Every structure is written in C-alpha cells, then in structure tokens.
PDB file of N, CA and C in Angstrom:
ATOM      1  N   UNK A   1      34.454  58.070  75.340  1.00  0.00           N
ATOM      2  CA  UNK A   1      36.071  58.142  75.527  1.00  0.00           C
ATOM      3  C   UNK A   1      36.925  57.226  74.714  1.00  0.00           C
ATOM      4  N   UNK A   2      37.848  57.161  74.769  1.00  0.00           N
ATOM      5  CA  UNK A   2      38.807  56.571  74.121  1.00  0.00           C
ATOM      6  C   UNK A   2      40.214  56.384  74.616  1.00  0.00           C
ATOM      7  N   UNK A   3      40.666  55.136  74.800  1.00  0.00           N
ATOM      8  CA  UNK A   3      42.040  54.962  75.326  1.00  0.00           C
ATOM      9  C   UNK A   3      42.929  54.655  74.240  1.00  0.00           C
ATOM     10  N   UNK A   4      44.107  55.318  73.958  1.00  0.00           N
ATOM     11  CA  UNK A   4      45.281  55.151  73.223  1.00  0.00           C
ATOM     12  C   UNK A   4      46.412  54.291  74.027  1.00  0.00           C
ATOM     13  N   UNK A   5      47.059  53.258  73.520  1.00  0.00           N
ATOM     14  CA  UNK A   5      48.129  52.594  74.023  1.00  0.00           C
ATOM     15  C   UNK A   5      49.333  52.336  72.809  1.00  0.00           C
ATOM     16  N   UNK A   6      50.439  53.258  73.778  1.00  0.00           N
ATOM     17  CA  UNK A   6      51.727  53.043  72.738  1.00  0.00           C
ATOM     18  C   UNK A   6      52.669  52.334  73.625  1.00  0.00           C
ATOM     19  N   UNK A   7      53.344  51.362  72.898  1.00  0.00           N
ATOM     20  CA  UNK A   7      54.580  50.645  73.741  1.00  0.00           C
ATOM     21  C   UNK A   7      55.964  51.060  72.912  1.00  0.00           C
ATOM     22  N   UNK A   8      56.929  50.845  73.755  1.00  0.00           N
ATOM     23  CA  UNK A   8      58.333  50.838  73.349  1.00  0.00           C
ATOM     24  C   UNK A   8      59.113  50.374  74.122  1.00  0.00           C
ATOM     25  N   UNK A   9      60.449  49.835  73.604  1.00  0.00           N
ATOM     26  CA  UNK A   9      61.092  49.285  74.505  1.00  0.00           C
ATOM     27  C   UNK A   9      63.009  49.688  74.592  1.00  0.00           C
ATOM     28  N   UNK A  10      63.216  49.620  75.678  1.00  0.00           N
ATOM     29  CA  UNK A  10      64.904  50.292  75.717  1.00  0.00           C
ATOM     30  C   UNK A  10      65.563  49.486  76.213  1.00  0.00           C
ATOM     31  N   UNK A  11      66.961  49.642  76.328  1.00  0.00           N
ATOM     32  CA  UNK A  11      67.809  48.770  77.069  1.00  0.00           C
ATOM     33  C   UNK A  11      67.734  49.183  78.399  1.00  0.00           C
ATOM     34  N   UNK A  12      67.789  48.255  79.589  1.00  0.00           N
ATOM     35  CA  UNK A  12      67.391  49.120  81.003  1.00  0.00           C
ATOM     36  C   UNK A  12      68.364  49.925  81.345  1.00  0.00           C
ATOM     37  N   UNK A  13      69.666  50.113  81.054  1.00  0.00           N
ATOM     38  CA  UNK A  13      70.539  50.888  81.395  1.00  0.00           C
ATOM     39  C   UNK A  13      70.047  52.355  81.101  1.00  0.00           C
ATOM     40  N   UNK A  14      69.183  52.582  79.935  1.00  0.00           N
ATOM     41  CA  UNK A  14      69.025  53.633  79.201  1.00  0.00           C
ATOM     42  C   UNK A  14      67.481  54.076  79.969  1.00  0.00           C
ATOM     43  N   UNK A  15      67.186  53.093  80.377  1.00  0.00           N
ATOM     44  CA  UNK A  15      65.411  53.559  81.001  1.00  0.00           C
ATOM     45  C   UNK A  15      65.514  54.902  81.670  1.00  0.00           C
ATOM     46  N   UNK A  16      65.928  55.185  82.598  1.00  0.00           N
ATOM     47  CA  UNK A  16      65.747  56.512  83.414  1.00  0.00           C
ATOM     48  C   UNK A  16      65.929  57.666  82.170  1.00  0.00           C
ATOM     49  N   UNK A  17      66.767  57.572  81.650  1.00  0.00           N
ATOM     50  CA  UNK A  17      67.010  58.970  80.481  1.00  0.00           C
ATOM     51  C   UNK A  17      65.923  58.765  79.298  1.00  0.00           C
ATOM     52  N   UNK A  18      65.427  57.600  78.868  1.00  0.00           N
ATOM     53  CA  UNK A  18      64.459  57.482  78.244  1.00  0.00           C
ATOM     54  C   UNK A  18      63.112  58.332  78.679  1.00  0.00           C
ATOM     55  N   UNK A  19      62.665  57.632  80.149  1.00  0.00           N
ATOM     56  CA  UNK A  19      61.535  58.128  80.921  1.00  0.00           C
ATOM     57  C   UNK A  19      61.729  59.915  80.988  1.00  0.00           C
ATOM     58  N   UNK A  20      62.922  60.553  80.952  1.00  0.00           N
ATOM     59  CA  UNK A  20      62.647  61.883  81.178  1.00  0.00           C
ATOM     60  C   UNK A  20      62.501  62.297  79.614  1.00  0.00           C
ATOM     61  N   UNK A  21      63.169  61.508  78.501  1.00  0.00           N
ATOM     62  CA  UNK A  21      62.699  61.992  77.295  1.00  0.00           C
ATOM     63  C   UNK A  21      61.107  61.888  77.060  1.00  0.00           C
ATOM     64  N   UNK A  22      60.375  61.136  77.395  1.00  0.00           N
ATOM     65  CA  UNK A  22      59.175  60.813  77.245  1.00  0.00           C
ATOM     66  C   UNK A  22      58.156  61.636  77.945  1.00  0.00           C
ATOM     67  N   UNK A  23      58.841  62.426  79.229  1.00  0.00           N
ATOM     68  CA  UNK A  23      58.141  63.297  80.002  1.00  0.00           C
ATOM     69  C   UNK A  23      58.286  64.687  78.870  1.00  0.00           C
ATOM     70  N   UNK A  24      59.323  64.891  78.589  1.00  0.00           N
ATOM     71  CA  UNK A  24      59.648  66.228  77.696  1.00  0.00           C
ATOM     72  C   UNK A  24      59.204  66.299  76.406  1.00  0.00           C
ATOM     73  N   UNK A  25      58.567  65.072  75.771  1.00  0.00           N
ATOM     74  CA  UNK A  25      58.266  65.177  74.506  1.00  0.00           C
ATOM     75  C   UNK A  25      56.647  64.539  74.243  1.00  0.00           C
ATOM     76  N   UNK A  26      56.415  63.366  74.493  1.00  0.00           N
ATOM     77  CA  UNK A  26      55.334  62.917  74.066  1.00  0.00           C
ATOM     78  C   UNK A  26      54.350  63.212  75.600  1.00  0.00           C
ATOM     79  N   UNK A  27      54.875  63.070  76.436  1.00  0.00           N
ATOM     80  CA  UNK A  27      53.819  63.207  77.803  1.00  0.00           C
ATOM     81  C   UNK A  27      53.641  64.605  77.633  1.00  0.00           C
ATOM     82  N   UNK A  28      54.295  65.469  77.575  1.00  0.00           N
ATOM     83  CA  UNK A  28      54.235  67.006  77.189  1.00  0.00           C
ATOM     84  C   UNK A  28      53.139  67.421  76.125  1.00  0.00           C
ATOM     85  N   UNK A  29      53.426  66.790  75.187  1.00  0.00           N
ATOM     86  CA  UNK A  29      52.347  67.089  74.063  1.00  0.00           C
ATOM     87  C   UNK A  29      51.035  66.604  74.144  1.00  0.00           C
ATOM     88  N   UNK A  30      51.119  65.142  74.610  1.00  0.00           N
ATOM     89  CA  UNK A  30      49.564  64.602  75.014  1.00  0.00           C
ATOM     90  C   UNK A  30      48.683  65.612  75.829  1.00  0.00           C
ATOM     91  N   UNK A  31      49.580  66.141  77.034  1.00  0.00           N
ATOM     92  CA  UNK A  31      48.953  66.824  78.098  1.00  0.00           C
ATOM     93  C   UNK A  31      48.460  68.080  77.363  1.00  0.00           C
ATOM     94  N   UNK A  32      49.025  68.794  76.698  1.00  0.00           N
ATOM     95  CA  UNK A  32      48.843  70.016  75.682  1.00  0.00           C
ATOM     96  C   UNK A  32      47.897  69.810  74.710  1.00  0.00           C
ATOM     97  N   UNK A  33      47.376  68.752  74.317  1.00  0.00           N
ATOM     98  CA  UNK A  33      46.226  68.624  73.125  1.00  0.00           C
ATOM     99  C   UNK A  33      45.000  68.968  73.711  1.00  0.00           C
ATOM    100  N   UNK A  34      44.398  70.013  73.395  1.00  0.00           N
ATOM    101  CA  UNK A  34      42.894  69.924  73.904  1.00  0.00           C
ATOM    102  C   UNK A  34      42.127  68.526  73.570  1.00  0.00           C
ATOM    103  N   UNK A  35      41.270  68.029  74.736  1.00  0.00           N
ATOM    104  CA  UNK A  35      40.656  66.597  74.633  1.00  0.00           C
ATOM    105  C   UNK A  35      41.196  65.664  75.169  1.00  0.00           C
ATOM    106  N   UNK A  36      42.618  65.812  75.737  1.00  0.00           N
ATOM    107  CA  UNK A  36      43.310  64.578  76.506  1.00  0.00           C
ATOM    108  C   UNK A  36      42.633  64.933  77.796  1.00  0.00           C
ATOM    109  N   UNK A  37      42.399  63.549  78.367  1.00  0.00           N
ATOM    110  CA  UNK A  37      41.703  63.400  79.837  1.00  0.00           C
ATOM    111  C   UNK A  37      43.076  62.721  80.721  1.00  0.00           C
ATOM    112  N   UNK A  38      43.884  62.806  80.306  1.00  0.00           N
ATOM    113  CA  UNK A  38      44.737  62.071  81.007  1.00  0.00           C
ATOM    114  C   UNK A  38      45.849  61.225  80.527  1.00  0.00           C
ATOM    115  N   UNK A  39      47.041  61.052  81.040  1.00  0.00           N
ATOM    116  CA  UNK A  39      48.384  60.367  80.697  1.00  0.00           C
ATOM    117  C   UNK A  39      48.884  59.278  81.866  1.00  0.00           C
ATOM    118  N   UNK A  40      49.158  58.218  81.291  1.00  0.00           N
ATOM    119  CA  UNK A  40      49.560  57.332  82.256  1.00  0.00           C
ATOM    120  C   UNK A  40      51.034  56.463  81.790  1.00  0.00           C
ATOM    121  N   UNK A  41      51.901  57.106  82.279  1.00  0.00           N
ATOM    122  CA  UNK A  41      53.379  56.391  81.792  1.00  0.00           C
ATOM    123  C   UNK A  41      53.946  55.286  82.791  1.00  0.00           C
ATOM    124  N   UNK A  42      54.156  54.319  82.204  1.00  0.00           N
ATOM    125  CA  UNK A  42      54.065  52.882  82.608  1.00  0.00           C
ATOM    126  C   UNK A  42      55.349  52.290  82.429  1.00  0.00           C
ATOM    127  N   UNK A  43      56.154  51.462  83.237  1.00  0.00           N
ATOM    128  CA  UNK A  43      57.293  51.084  82.585  1.00  0.00           C
ATOM    129  C   UNK A  43      57.496  49.538  83.516  1.00  0.00           C
ATOM    130  N   UNK A  44      58.136  48.339  82.859  1.00  0.00           N
ATOM    131  CA  UNK A  44      58.332  47.216  83.529  1.00  0.00           C
ATOM    132  C   UNK A  44      60.004  46.646  82.779  1.00  0.00           C
ATOM    133  N   UNK A  45      60.589  46.085  83.617  1.00  0.00           N
ATOM    134  CA  UNK A  45      61.965  45.503  83.525  1.00  0.00           C
ATOM    135  C   UNK A  45      61.807  44.328  83.042  1.00  0.00           C
ATOM    136  N   UNK A  46      62.391  43.716  82.256  1.00  0.00           N
ATOM    137  CA  UNK A  46      62.541  42.183  82.101  1.00  0.00           C
ATOM    138  C   UNK A  46      63.858  41.989  81.146  1.00  0.00           C
ATOM    139  N   UNK A  47      64.332  40.968  81.628  1.00  0.00           N
ATOM    140  CA  UNK A  47      65.604  40.413  80.479  1.00  0.00           C
ATOM    141  C   UNK A  47      66.528  41.416  80.068  1.00  0.00           C
ATOM    142  N   UNK A  48      67.038  42.435  80.855  1.00  0.00           N
ATOM    143  CA  UNK A  48      67.764  43.602  80.477  1.00  0.00           C
ATOM    144  C   UNK A  48      67.249  44.502  79.466  1.00  0.00           C
ATOM    145  N   UNK A  49      65.878  44.272  79.469  1.00  0.00           N
ATOM    146  CA  UNK A  49      65.236  45.470  78.718  1.00  0.00           C
ATOM    147  C   UNK A  49      63.970  46.259  79.468  1.00  0.00           C
ATOM    148  N   UNK A  50      63.823  47.393  79.442  1.00  0.00           N
ATOM    149  CA  UNK A  50      62.526  48.048  79.846  1.00  0.00           C
ATOM    150  C   UNK A  50      61.453  48.189  78.840  1.00  0.00           C
ATOM    151  N   UNK A  51      60.336  47.954  79.037  1.00  0.00           N
ATOM    152  CA  UNK A  51      59.103  48.208  77.985  1.00  0.00           C
ATOM    153  C   UNK A  51      58.650  49.485  78.799  1.00  0.00           C
ATOM    154  N   UNK A  52      58.041  50.305  78.151  1.00  0.00           N
ATOM    155  CA  UNK A  52      57.367  51.593  78.408  1.00  0.00           C
ATOM    156  C   UNK A  52      56.103  51.135  77.721  1.00  0.00           C
ATOM    157  N   UNK A  53      55.084  51.920  78.243  1.00  0.00           N
ATOM    158  CA  UNK A  53      53.585  52.004  77.636  1.00  0.00           C
ATOM    159  C   UNK A  53      53.150  53.437  78.060  1.00  0.00           C
ATOM    160  N   UNK A  54      52.870  54.336  77.143  1.00  0.00           N
ATOM    161  CA  UNK A  54      51.993  55.374  77.254  1.00  0.00           C
ATOM    162  C   UNK A  54      50.650  55.038  77.309  1.00  0.00           C
ATOM    163  N   UNK A  55      49.580  55.198  78.092  1.00  0.00           N
ATOM    164  CA  UNK A  55      48.272  55.019  78.199  1.00  0.00           C
ATOM    165  C   UNK A  55      47.762  56.371  78.347  1.00  0.00           C
ATOM    166  N   UNK A  56      46.865  56.714  77.132  1.00  0.00           N
ATOM    167  CA  UNK A  56      46.178  58.348  77.509  1.00  0.00           C
ATOM    168  C   UNK A  56      44.579  58.066  77.040  1.00  0.00           C
ATOM    169  N   UNK A  57      43.634  59.049  77.667  1.00  0.00           N
ATOM    170  CA  UNK A  57      42.495  58.859  77.466  1.00  0.00           C
ATOM    171  C   UNK A  57      41.897  60.097  76.855  1.00  0.00           C
ATOM    172  N   UNK A  58      41.108  59.800  75.931  1.00  0.00           N
ATOM    173  CA  UNK A  58      40.621  61.179  75.096  1.00  0.00           C
ATOM    174  C   UNK A  58      39.138  61.367  74.805  1.00  0.00           C
ATOM    175  N   UNK A  59      38.616  62.350  74.745  1.00  0.00           N
ATOM    176  CA  UNK A  59      37.175  62.697  74.909  1.00  0.00           C
ATOM    177  C   UNK A  59      36.647  62.192  73.471  1.00  0.00           C
ATOM    178  N   UNK A  60      37.485  62.284  72.306  1.00  0.00           N
ATOM    179  CA  UNK A  60      36.754  61.889  70.874  1.00  0.00           C
ATOM    180  C   UNK A  60      37.823  61.713  70.133  1.00  0.00           C
ATOM    181  N   UNK A  61      37.662  60.993  69.008  1.00  0.00           N
ATOM    182  CA  UNK A  61      38.606  60.952  67.766  1.00  0.00           C
ATOM    183  C   UNK A  61      39.321  61.893  67.246  1.00  0.00           C
ATOM    184  N   UNK A  62      38.467  62.996  67.011  1.00  0.00           N
ATOM    185  CA  UNK A  62      39.319  64.416  66.500  1.00  0.00           C
ATOM    186  C   UNK A  62      40.298  64.956  67.590  1.00  0.00           C
ATOM    187  N   UNK A  63      40.206  64.636  68.757  1.00  0.00           N
ATOM    188  CA  UNK A  63      41.210  65.099  69.589  1.00  0.00           C
ATOM    189  C   UNK A  63      42.385  64.511  69.457  1.00  0.00           C
ATOM    190  N   UNK A  64      42.474  62.875  69.295  1.00  0.00           N
ATOM    191  CA  UNK A  64      43.626  62.071  69.048  1.00  0.00           C
ATOM    192  C   UNK A  64      44.449  62.675  67.622  1.00  0.00           C
ATOM    193  N   UNK A  65      43.425  62.921  66.548  1.00  0.00           N
ATOM    194  CA  UNK A  65      43.898  63.366  65.241  1.00  0.00           C
ATOM    195  C   UNK A  65      44.770  64.762  65.529  1.00  0.00           C
ATOM    196  N   UNK A  66      44.242  65.565  66.282  1.00  0.00           N
ATOM    197  CA  UNK A  66      45.226  66.855  66.683  1.00  0.00           C
ATOM    198  C   UNK A  66      46.512  66.571  67.368  1.00  0.00           C
ATOM    199  N   UNK A  67      46.592  65.266  68.212  1.00  0.00           N
ATOM    200  CA  UNK A  67      48.125  64.869  68.427  1.00  0.00           C
ATOM    201  C   UNK A  67      48.658  64.024  67.551  1.00  0.00           C
ATOM    202  N   UNK A  68      48.032  63.112  66.540  1.00  0.00           N
ATOM    203  CA  UNK A  68      48.547  62.168  65.818  1.00  0.00           C
ATOM    204  C   UNK A  68      48.524  62.150  64.340  1.00  0.00           C
ATOM    205  N   UNK A  69      47.514  63.238  63.916  1.00  0.00           N
ATOM    206  CA  UNK A  69      47.188  63.077  62.655  1.00  0.00           C
ATOM    207  C   UNK A  69      46.058  62.319  62.262  1.00  0.00           C
ATOM    208  N   UNK A  70      45.516  62.301  60.943  1.00  0.00           N
ATOM    209  CA  UNK A  70      44.203  61.628  60.489  1.00  0.00           C
ATOM    210  C   UNK A  70      44.430  60.154  60.786  1.00  0.00           C
ATOM    211  N   UNK A  71      45.463  59.819  60.521  1.00  0.00           N
ATOM    212  CA  UNK A  71      45.697  58.243  60.663  1.00  0.00           C
ATOM    213  C   UNK A  71      45.884  57.993  62.019  1.00  0.00           C
ATOM    214  N   UNK A  72      45.297  57.913  63.028  1.00  0.00           N
ATOM    215  CA  UNK A  72      45.318  57.835  64.470  1.00  0.00           C
ATOM    216  C   UNK A  72      45.983  56.577  64.834  1.00  0.00           C
ATOM    217  N   UNK A  73      46.176  55.378  64.027  1.00  0.00           N
ATOM    218  CA  UNK A  73      46.598  54.154  64.533  1.00  0.00           C
ATOM    219  C   UNK A  73      48.381  54.212  64.204  1.00  0.00           C
ATOM    220  N   UNK A  74      48.736  55.151  63.594  1.00  0.00           N
ATOM    221  CA  UNK A  74      50.096  54.953  63.224  1.00  0.00           C
ATOM    222  C   UNK A  74      50.824  55.854  64.670  1.00  0.00           C
ATOM    223  N   UNK A  75      51.933  55.140  65.020  1.00  0.00           N
ATOM    224  CA  UNK A  75      52.779  55.445  66.178  1.00  0.00           C
ATOM    225  C   UNK A  75      53.396  57.015  65.564  1.00  0.00           C
ATOM    226  N   UNK A  76      53.444  57.837  66.720  1.00  0.00           N
ATOM    227  CA  UNK A  76      54.133  59.170  66.531  1.00  0.00           C
ATOM    228  C   UNK A  76      55.569  58.945  67.216  1.00  0.00           C
ATOM    229  N   UNK A  77      56.473  59.470  66.550  1.00  0.00           N
ATOM    230  CA  UNK A  77      57.882  59.548  67.245  1.00  0.00           C
ATOM    231  C   UNK A  77      58.479  60.875  67.064  1.00  0.00           C
ATOM    232  N   UNK A  78      59.707  60.844  67.901  1.00  0.00           N
ATOM    233  CA  UNK A  78      60.530  62.069  67.962  1.00  0.00           C
ATOM    234  C   UNK A  78      61.735  61.728  67.593  1.00  0.00           C
ATOM    235  N   UNK A  79      62.662  62.657  67.074  1.00  0.00           N
ATOM    236  CA  UNK A  79      64.075  62.417  66.387  1.00  0.00           C
ATOM    237  C   UNK A  79      64.590  61.992  67.739  1.00  0.00           C
ATOM    238  N   UNK A  80      64.583  62.296  68.841  1.00  0.00           N
ATOM    239  CA  UNK A  80      65.449  61.306  69.838  1.00  0.00           C
ATOM    240  C   UNK A  80      65.304  60.111  70.365  1.00  0.00           C
ATOM    241  N   UNK A  81      64.116  59.710  69.917  1.00  0.00           N
ATOM    242  CA  UNK A  81      63.703  57.911  70.177  1.00  0.00           C
ATOM    243  C   UNK A  81      64.738  57.404  69.715  1.00  0.00           C
ATOM    244  N   UNK A  82      65.278  57.604  68.315  1.00  0.00           N
ATOM    245  CA  UNK A  82      66.157  56.808  68.075  1.00  0.00           C
ATOM    246  C   UNK A  82      67.451  56.401  68.615  1.00  0.00           C
ATOM    247  N   UNK A  83      67.784  57.349  69.465  1.00  0.00           N
ATOM    248  CA  UNK A  83      68.767  57.029  70.334  1.00  0.00           C
ATOM    249  C   UNK A  83      68.560  55.928  71.760  1.00  0.00           C
ATOM    250  N   UNK A  84      67.337  55.687  71.935  1.00  0.00           N
ATOM    251  CA  UNK A  84      66.883  54.745  72.990  1.00  0.00           C
ATOM    252  C   UNK A  84      66.185  53.531  72.687  1.00  0.00           C
ATOM    253  N   UNK A  85      65.093  53.562  71.675  1.00  0.00           N
ATOM    254  CA  UNK A  85      64.105  52.690  71.371  1.00  0.00           C
ATOM    255  C   UNK A  85      65.132  51.654  70.435  1.00  0.00           C
ATOM    256  N   UNK A  86      64.476  50.315  70.918  1.00  0.00           N
ATOM    257  CA  UNK A  86      65.338  49.035  70.227  1.00  0.00           C
ATOM    258  C   UNK A  86      64.583  48.724  68.839  1.00  0.00           C
ATOM    259  N   UNK A  87      63.182  49.147  68.937  1.00  0.00           N
ATOM    260  CA  UNK A  87      62.544  48.980  67.716  1.00  0.00           C
ATOM    261  C   UNK A  87      61.488  49.995  67.592  1.00  0.00           C
ATOM    262  N   UNK A  88      60.890  50.341  66.397  1.00  0.00           N
ATOM    263  CA  UNK A  88      59.828  51.143  66.359  1.00  0.00           C
ATOM    264  C   UNK A  88      58.422  50.158  65.675  1.00  0.00           C
ATOM    265  N   UNK A  89      57.581  50.177  66.628  1.00  0.00           N
ATOM    266  CA  UNK A  89      56.285  49.623  66.347  1.00  0.00           C
ATOM    267  C   UNK A  89      55.413  50.715  65.082  1.00  0.00           C
ATOM    268  N   UNK A  90      55.102  50.282  64.365  1.00  0.00           N
ATOM    269  CA  UNK A  90      54.384  51.224  63.451  1.00  0.00           C
ATOM    270  C   UNK A  90      52.941  51.711  64.038  1.00  0.00           C
ATOM    271  N   UNK A  91      52.398  50.820  64.790  1.00  0.00           N
ATOM    272  CA  UNK A  91      50.941  51.365  65.153  1.00  0.00           C
ATOM    273  C   UNK A  91      50.674  51.383  66.529  1.00  0.00           C
ATOM    274  N   UNK A  92      49.805  51.639  67.046  1.00  0.00           N
ATOM    275  CA  UNK A  92      49.109  51.818  68.599  1.00  0.00           C
ATOM    276  C   UNK A  92      48.010  51.285  68.558  1.00  0.00           C
ATOM    277  N   UNK A  93      47.500  50.937  69.670  1.00  0.00           N
ATOM    278  CA  UNK A  93      45.913  50.354  69.954  1.00  0.00           C
ATOM    279  C   UNK A  93      45.090  51.370  70.502  1.00  0.00           C
ATOM    280  N   UNK A  94      43.777  51.366  69.898  1.00  0.00           N
ATOM    281  CA  UNK A  94      42.817  52.313  70.628  1.00  0.00           C
ATOM    282  C   UNK A  94      41.525  51.362  71.180  1.00  0.00           C
ATOM    283  N   UNK A  95      41.204  51.787  72.311  1.00  0.00           N
ATOM    284  CA  UNK A  95      39.976  51.190  72.840  1.00  0.00           C
ATOM    285  C   UNK A  95      38.908  51.738  73.137  1.00  0.00           C
ATOM    286  N   UNK A  96      37.722  51.603  73.035  1.00  0.00           N
ATOM    287  CA  UNK A  96      36.728  52.236  73.587  1.00  0.00           C
ATOM    288  C   UNK A  96      36.613  51.987  74.934  1.00  0.00           C
ATOM    289  N   UNK A  97      36.444  53.013  75.759  1.00  0.00           N
ATOM    290  CA  UNK A  97      36.345  52.989  77.387  1.00  0.00           C
ATOM    291  C   UNK A  97      35.102  52.506  77.764  1.00  0.00           C
ATOM    292  N   UNK A  98      34.659  51.337  78.415  1.00  0.00           N
ATOM    293  CA  UNK A  98      33.543  50.877  78.600  1.00  0.00           C
ATOM    294  C   UNK A  98      33.187  51.247  79.911  1.00  0.00           C
ATOM    295  N   UNK A  99      34.101  51.451  81.016  1.00  0.00           N
ATOM    296  CA  UNK A  99      34.102  51.953  82.451  1.00  0.00           C
ATOM    297  C   UNK A  99      35.026  52.444  83.172  1.00  0.00           C
ATOM    298  N   UNK A 100      35.052  53.221  84.120  1.00  0.00           N
ATOM    299  CA  UNK A 100      35.985  53.850  84.853  1.00  0.00           C
ATOM    300  C   UNK A 100      35.784  53.611  86.179  1.00  0.00           C
ATOM    301  N   UNK A 101      36.801  53.214  87.300  1.00  0.00           N
ATOM    302  CA  UNK A 101      36.572  52.776  88.539  1.00  0.00           C
ATOM    303  C   UNK A 101      37.576  53.236  89.067  1.00  0.00           C
ATOM    304  N   UNK A 102      37.636  54.231  90.133  1.00  0.00           N
ATOM    305  CA  UNK A 102      39.141  54.553  90.789  1.00  0.00           C
ATOM    306  C   UNK A 102      38.672  54.670  92.132  1.00  0.00           C
ATOM    307  N   UNK A 103      39.571  55.015  93.228  1.00  0.00           N
ATOM    308  CA  UNK A 103      39.155  55.207  94.428  1.00  0.00           C
ATOM    309  C   UNK A 103      38.388  56.041  94.948  1.00  0.00           C
ATOM    310  N   UNK A 104      37.811  57.043  94.276  1.00  0.00           N
ATOM    311  CA  UNK A 104      36.883  57.950  94.680  1.00  0.00           C
ATOM    312  C   UNK A 104      35.294  57.422  94.170  1.00  0.00           C
ATOM    313  N   UNK A 105      35.467  56.389  93.426  1.00  0.00           N
ATOM    314  CA  UNK A 105      33.968  55.713  92.838  1.00  0.00           C
ATOM    315  C   UNK A 105      33.539  55.221  94.124  1.00  0.00           C
ATOM    316  N   UNK A 106      31.942  55.410  94.343  1.00  0.00           N
ATOM    317  CA  UNK A 106      31.259  54.635  95.191  1.00  0.00           C
ATOM    318  C   UNK A 106      31.074  53.139  94.700  1.00  0.00           C
ATOM    319  N   UNK A 107      29.869  53.211  94.065  1.00  0.00           N
ATOM    320  CA  UNK A 107      29.756  51.691  93.525  1.00  0.00           C
ATOM    321  C   UNK A 107      30.148  51.759  91.976  1.00  0.00           C
ATOM    322  N   UNK A 108      30.509  50.651  91.321  1.00  0.00           N
ATOM    323  CA  UNK A 108      31.153  50.445  90.010  1.00  0.00           C
ATOM    324  C   UNK A 108      30.034  51.194  89.331  1.00  0.00           C
ATOM    325  N   UNK A 109      30.797  52.029  88.306  1.00  0.00           N
ATOM    326  CA  UNK A 109      29.634  52.694  87.261  1.00  0.00           C
ATOM    327  C   UNK A 109      30.107  52.656  86.000  1.00  0.00           C
ATOM    328  N   UNK A 110      29.495  52.286  84.878  1.00  0.00           N
ATOM    329  CA  UNK A 110      29.880  51.810  83.679  1.00  0.00           C
ATOM    330  C   UNK A 110      29.684  53.501  82.689  1.00  0.00           C
ATOM    331  N   UNK A 111      30.294  53.719  81.625  1.00  0.00           N
ATOM    332  CA  UNK A 111      29.993  54.954  81.204  1.00  0.00           C
ATOM    333  C   UNK A 111      29.029  54.673  80.258  1.00  0.00           C
TER     334      UNK A 111
END
C-alpha cells in the first residue's frame, strides 16, 4: 500500500470555499480512480492562513499513475486552484505504508 500526501495553503477567509472546491475536484477524482483505498482531507489554521493536506491510500503505483500521470511525484492542479492557493508546490510525497491501526483493530497489525 502507498500513501500520497499533497499540501496547499490558502488565506483563512478562503478556506471554506477552497474546501468545497477540493471536494468537487481532487477528492472526487481520487475516489473515482480504481485502486484508491481512501481519502483524508485535513486542514489547519495558523497565522491568517489555512493549510490543507490530502492524504490518500493506494493499492499500487499504477493506480496513482492513473490519477497523476507517469511522474507521480508531480502535484496535479485544477484551473480553479489559482483562485485560492498561495503557492503551488511542484511535488507531493509518497510513503510505503508499514502498518495500519484503527479502532476496529484488535492487536496492532503490521502489513
């Protein structure tokens, strides 16, 4: 399993509108891509800005390629992002998922 992490920042006064945009674009497209195992939309306010993070889980690299293209490390943006984002990070991060523990897990289980 692979985790993909994208981050972006808006002005705090734009945060609610940008969250709606994220749900209508990135979150929708992540969820519609075969091999996507889940999407977490996170946000944090600090110093008049709001940082967003999209954490997604994937079954394999080829599934991420179906969403992002062959160069999976490059961030994917939508035209509307320019109306909200304060900067455009070129890359995202990928992690091999070493374990998953949730409320339904009995003892901790590694993958």
